[in-house]
Amino acid sequence: MYAVPFPGSSNTDAKPEYTHALAPSTPHFMNCRHNCGACCTAPSITSPIPGMPKGKPAGVRCVQLAADNLCLIFGQPERPAFCGGLQPSVEMCGTDREYAMQWLGDLETATAPMSSR
């Protein structure tokens, strides 16, 4: 398992608080970071979301993201498949929300159709 230090800390033994526990699938697995919401803001979502029938563009906060940055429709059938497929990992989430926003933004750019770049 990878130890990820808190932002501003060199302590690699520190363990952050997480929510929305999910079953680990790889050694790079992690749970959602408390009060992050980067994966609900950075990527575009092309499928309908309750309150956003045409999906959402990249960089726009999902209307289903609560004030505490947790998904209001987590585990519900109306949650887009894209959202359920986006699992937290050390590579994607890094040590803080800013890292995750940058990583997801870079992925969005890399996977956008050529006409959108």
C-alpha atoms as a PDB file:
ATOM      1  CA  MET A   1       0.000   0.000   0.000  1.00  0.00           C
ATOM      2  CA  TYR A   2       1.224   3.500  -0.774  1.00  0.00           C
ATOM      3  CA  ALA A   3       1.533   6.071   1.977  1.00  0.00           C
ATOM      4  CA  VAL A   4       0.441   9.505   0.819  1.00  0.00           C
ATOM      5  CA  PRO A   5       1.453  12.435   3.052  1.00  0.00           C
ATOM      6  CA  PHE A   6      -0.987  15.179   3.948  1.00  0.00           C
ATOM      7  CA  PRO A   7      -0.418  18.433   2.057  1.00  0.00           C
ATOM      8  CA  GLY A   8       2.281  20.431   3.827  1.00  0.00           C
ATOM      9  CA  SER A   9       3.463  17.385   5.762  1.00  0.00           C
ATOM     10  CA  SER A  10       6.420  15.108   5.247  1.00  0.00           C
ATOM     11  CA  ASN A  11       4.809  12.421   7.414  1.00  0.00           C
ATOM     12  CA  THR A  12       4.127   9.497   5.083  1.00  0.00           C
ATOM     13  CA  ASP A  13       2.561   7.530   7.949  1.00  0.00           C
ATOM     14  CA  ALA A  14      -0.309  10.008   8.267  1.00  0.00           C
ATOM     15  CA  LYS A  15      -3.736   8.610   7.460  1.00  0.00           C
ATOM     16  CA  PRO A  16      -6.393  11.029   6.164  1.00  0.00           C
ATOM     17  CA  GLU A  17     -10.096  10.712   6.952  1.00  0.00           C
ATOM     18  CA  TYR A  18     -12.163   9.292   4.102  1.00  0.00           C
ATOM     19  CA  THR A  19     -15.800   8.794   3.226  1.00  0.00           C
ATOM     20  CA  HIS A  20     -17.668   6.635   0.702  1.00  0.00           C
ATOM     21  CA  ALA A  21     -15.618   3.498   1.419  1.00  0.00           C
ATOM     22  CA  LEU A  22     -15.263   1.269  -1.641  1.00  0.00           C
ATOM     23  CA  ALA A  23     -13.744  -2.185  -2.048  1.00  0.00           C
ATOM     24  CA  PRO A  24     -10.049  -2.059  -2.974  1.00  0.00           C
ATOM     25  CA  SER A  25      -9.225  -3.324  -6.458  1.00  0.00           C
ATOM     26  CA  THR A  26      -5.491  -2.574  -6.690  1.00  0.00           C
ATOM     27  CA  PRO A  27      -2.649  -1.657  -4.344  1.00  0.00           C
ATOM     28  CA  HIS A  28      -3.111   1.938  -5.582  1.00  0.00           C
ATOM     29  CA  PHE A  29      -6.682   2.085  -4.210  1.00  0.00           C
ATOM     30  CA  MET A  30      -7.844   4.730  -1.791  1.00  0.00           C
ATOM     31  CA  ASN A  31     -11.200   5.926  -0.481  1.00  0.00           C
ATOM     32  CA  CYS A  32     -12.659   9.307  -1.367  1.00  0.00           C
ATOM     33  CA  ARG A  33     -10.894  12.151   0.400  1.00  0.00           C
ATOM     34  CA  HIS A  34     -13.112  14.129   2.774  1.00  0.00           C
ATOM     35  CA  ASN A  35     -14.368  17.415   1.273  1.00  0.00           C
ATOM     36  CA  CYS A  36     -12.691  16.957  -2.147  1.00  0.00           C
ATOM     37  CA  GLY A  37     -15.244  16.532  -4.944  1.00  0.00           C
ATOM     38  CA  ALA A  38     -12.638  16.920  -7.715  1.00  0.00           C
ATOM     39  CA  CYS A  39     -14.083  13.994  -9.674  1.00  0.00           C
ATOM     40  CA  CYS A  40     -17.504  15.712  -9.590  1.00  0.00           C
ATOM     41  CA  THR A  41     -16.103  18.986 -10.909  1.00  0.00           C
ATOM     42  CA  ALA A  42     -13.111  18.453 -13.223  1.00  0.00           C
ATOM     43  CA  PRO A  43     -14.392  15.951 -15.839  1.00  0.00           C
ATOM     44  CA  SER A  44     -17.135  16.479 -18.364  1.00  0.00           C
ATOM     45  CA  ILE A  45     -20.096  14.095 -18.076  1.00  0.00           C
ATOM     46  CA  THR A  46     -22.091  13.547 -21.250  1.00  0.00           C
ATOM     47  CA  SER A  47     -24.918  11.489 -19.787  1.00  0.00           C
ATOM     48  CA  PRO A  48     -27.913  13.053 -17.999  1.00  0.00           C
ATOM     49  CA  ILE A  49     -27.604  13.912 -14.327  1.00  0.00           C
ATOM     50  CA  PRO A  50     -30.673  14.811 -12.245  1.00  0.00           C
ATOM     51  CA  GLY A  51     -30.791  18.602 -12.518  1.00  0.00           C
ATOM     52  CA  MET A  52     -28.372  18.589 -15.491  1.00  0.00           C
ATOM     53  CA  PRO A  53     -30.254  16.763 -18.266  1.00  0.00           C
ATOM     54  CA  LYS A  54     -27.493  17.406 -20.848  1.00  0.00           C
ATOM     55  CA  GLY A  55     -24.690  16.379 -18.502  1.00  0.00           C
ATOM     56  CA  LYS A  56     -22.026  18.879 -17.507  1.00  0.00           C
ATOM     57  CA  PRO A  57     -18.960  20.438 -19.084  1.00  0.00           C
ATOM     58  CA  ALA A  58     -15.473  19.979 -17.642  1.00  0.00           C
ATOM     59  CA  GLY A  59     -14.676  22.268 -14.742  1.00  0.00           C
ATOM     60  CA  VAL A  60     -18.314  22.800 -13.764  1.00  0.00           C
ATOM     61  CA  ARG A  61     -19.443  21.610 -10.350  1.00  0.00           C
ATOM     62  CA  CYS A  62     -22.127  18.915 -10.550  1.00  0.00           C
ATOM     63  CA  VAL A  63     -25.466  20.050  -9.098  1.00  0.00           C
ATOM     64  CA  GLN A  64     -25.580  16.755  -7.177  1.00  0.00           C
ATOM     65  CA  LEU A  65     -22.445  17.667  -5.220  1.00  0.00           C
ATOM     66  CA  ALA A  66     -23.434  18.697  -1.679  1.00  0.00           C
ATOM     67  CA  ALA A  67     -21.838  21.514   0.314  1.00  0.00           C
ATOM     68  CA  ASP A  68     -19.561  18.921   1.974  1.00  0.00           C
ATOM     69  CA  ASN A  69     -18.473  17.741  -1.514  1.00  0.00           C
ATOM     70  CA  LEU A  70     -20.213  14.382  -1.251  1.00  0.00           C
ATOM     71  CA  CYS A  71     -22.480  13.072  -3.988  1.00  0.00           C
ATOM     72  CA  LEU A  72     -26.172  13.430  -3.195  1.00  0.00           C
ATOM     73  CA  ILE A  73     -27.062  10.516  -5.509  1.00  0.00           C
ATOM     74  CA  PHE A  74     -24.214   8.171  -4.506  1.00  0.00           C
ATOM     75  CA  GLY A  75     -25.443   4.584  -4.824  1.00  0.00           C
ATOM     76  CA  GLN A  76     -28.694   5.639  -6.505  1.00  0.00           C
ATOM     77  CA  PRO A  77     -29.783   4.268  -9.909  1.00  0.00           C
ATOM     78  CA  GLU A  78     -29.959   7.768 -11.435  1.00  0.00           C
ATOM     79  CA  ARG A  79     -26.244   8.322 -10.798  1.00  0.00           C
ATOM     80  CA  PRO A  80     -24.442   8.236 -14.181  1.00  0.00           C
ATOM     81  CA  ALA A  81     -22.416   5.105 -14.939  1.00  0.00           C
ATOM     82  CA  PHE A  82     -19.410   7.353 -15.594  1.00  0.00           C
ATOM     83  CA  CYS A  83     -19.480   8.478 -11.970  1.00  0.00           C
ATOM     84  CA  GLY A  84     -19.657   4.954 -10.613  1.00  0.00           C
ATOM     85  CA  GLY A  85     -16.783   3.896 -12.855  1.00  0.00           C
ATOM     86  CA  LEU A  86     -14.482   6.676 -11.672  1.00  0.00           C
ATOM     87  CA  GLN A  87     -12.819   5.119  -8.630  1.00  0.00           C
ATOM     88  CA  PRO A  88     -10.410   6.998  -6.340  1.00  0.00           C
ATOM     89  CA  SER A  89      -6.759   6.038  -6.637  1.00  0.00           C
ATOM     90  CA  VAL A  90      -3.421   7.377  -5.477  1.00  0.00           C
ATOM     91  CA  GLU A  91      -2.524   8.184  -9.094  1.00  0.00           C
ATOM     92  CA  MET A  92      -5.684  10.223  -9.704  1.00  0.00           C
ATOM     93  CA  CYS A  93      -6.229  11.802  -6.295  1.00  0.00           C
ATOM     94  CA  GLY A  94      -2.646  12.416  -5.177  1.00  0.00           C
ATOM     95  CA  THR A  95      -2.241  14.210  -1.869  1.00  0.00           C
ATOM     96  CA  ASP A  96      -4.841  16.969  -2.233  1.00  0.00           C
ATOM     97  CA  ARG A  97      -7.803  18.293  -4.207  1.00  0.00           C
ATOM     98  CA  GLU A  98      -5.640  20.603  -6.332  1.00  0.00           C
ATOM     99  CA  TYR A  99      -3.564  17.641  -7.534  1.00  0.00           C
ATOM    100  CA  ALA A 100      -6.733  15.682  -8.376  1.00  0.00           C
ATOM    101  CA  MET A 101      -8.239  18.654 -10.257  1.00  0.00           C
ATOM    102  CA  GLN A 102      -5.048  19.019 -12.336  1.00  0.00           C
ATOM    103  CA  TRP A 103      -4.772  15.277 -13.035  1.00  0.00           C
ATOM    104  CA  LEU A 104      -8.418  14.992 -14.065  1.00  0.00           C
ATOM    105  CA  GLY A 105      -8.149  18.177 -16.147  1.00  0.00           C
ATOM    106  CA  ASP A 106      -5.141  16.747 -17.968  1.00  0.00           C
ATOM    107  CA  LEU A 107      -7.028  13.502 -18.574  1.00  0.00           C
ATOM    108  CA  GLU A 108     -10.009  15.481 -19.895  1.00  0.00           C
ATOM    109  CA  THR A 109      -7.745  17.301 -22.360  1.00  0.00           C
ATOM    110  CA  ALA A 110      -5.968  14.118 -23.432  1.00  0.00           C
ATOM    111  CA  THR A 111      -9.212  12.279 -24.114  1.00  0.00           C
ATOM    112  CA  ALA A 112     -11.180  15.124 -25.726  1.00  0.00           C
ATOM    113  CA  PRO A 113     -12.024  14.769 -29.426  1.00  0.00           C
ATOM    114  CA  MET A 114      -9.459  16.495 -31.661  1.00  0.00           C
ATOM    115  CA  SER A 115     -12.053  19.106 -32.672  1.00  0.00           C
ATOM    116  CA  SER A 116     -12.346  20.169 -29.002  1.00  0.00           C
ATOM    117  CA  ARG A 117      -8.626  20.678 -28.403  1.00  0.00           C
END
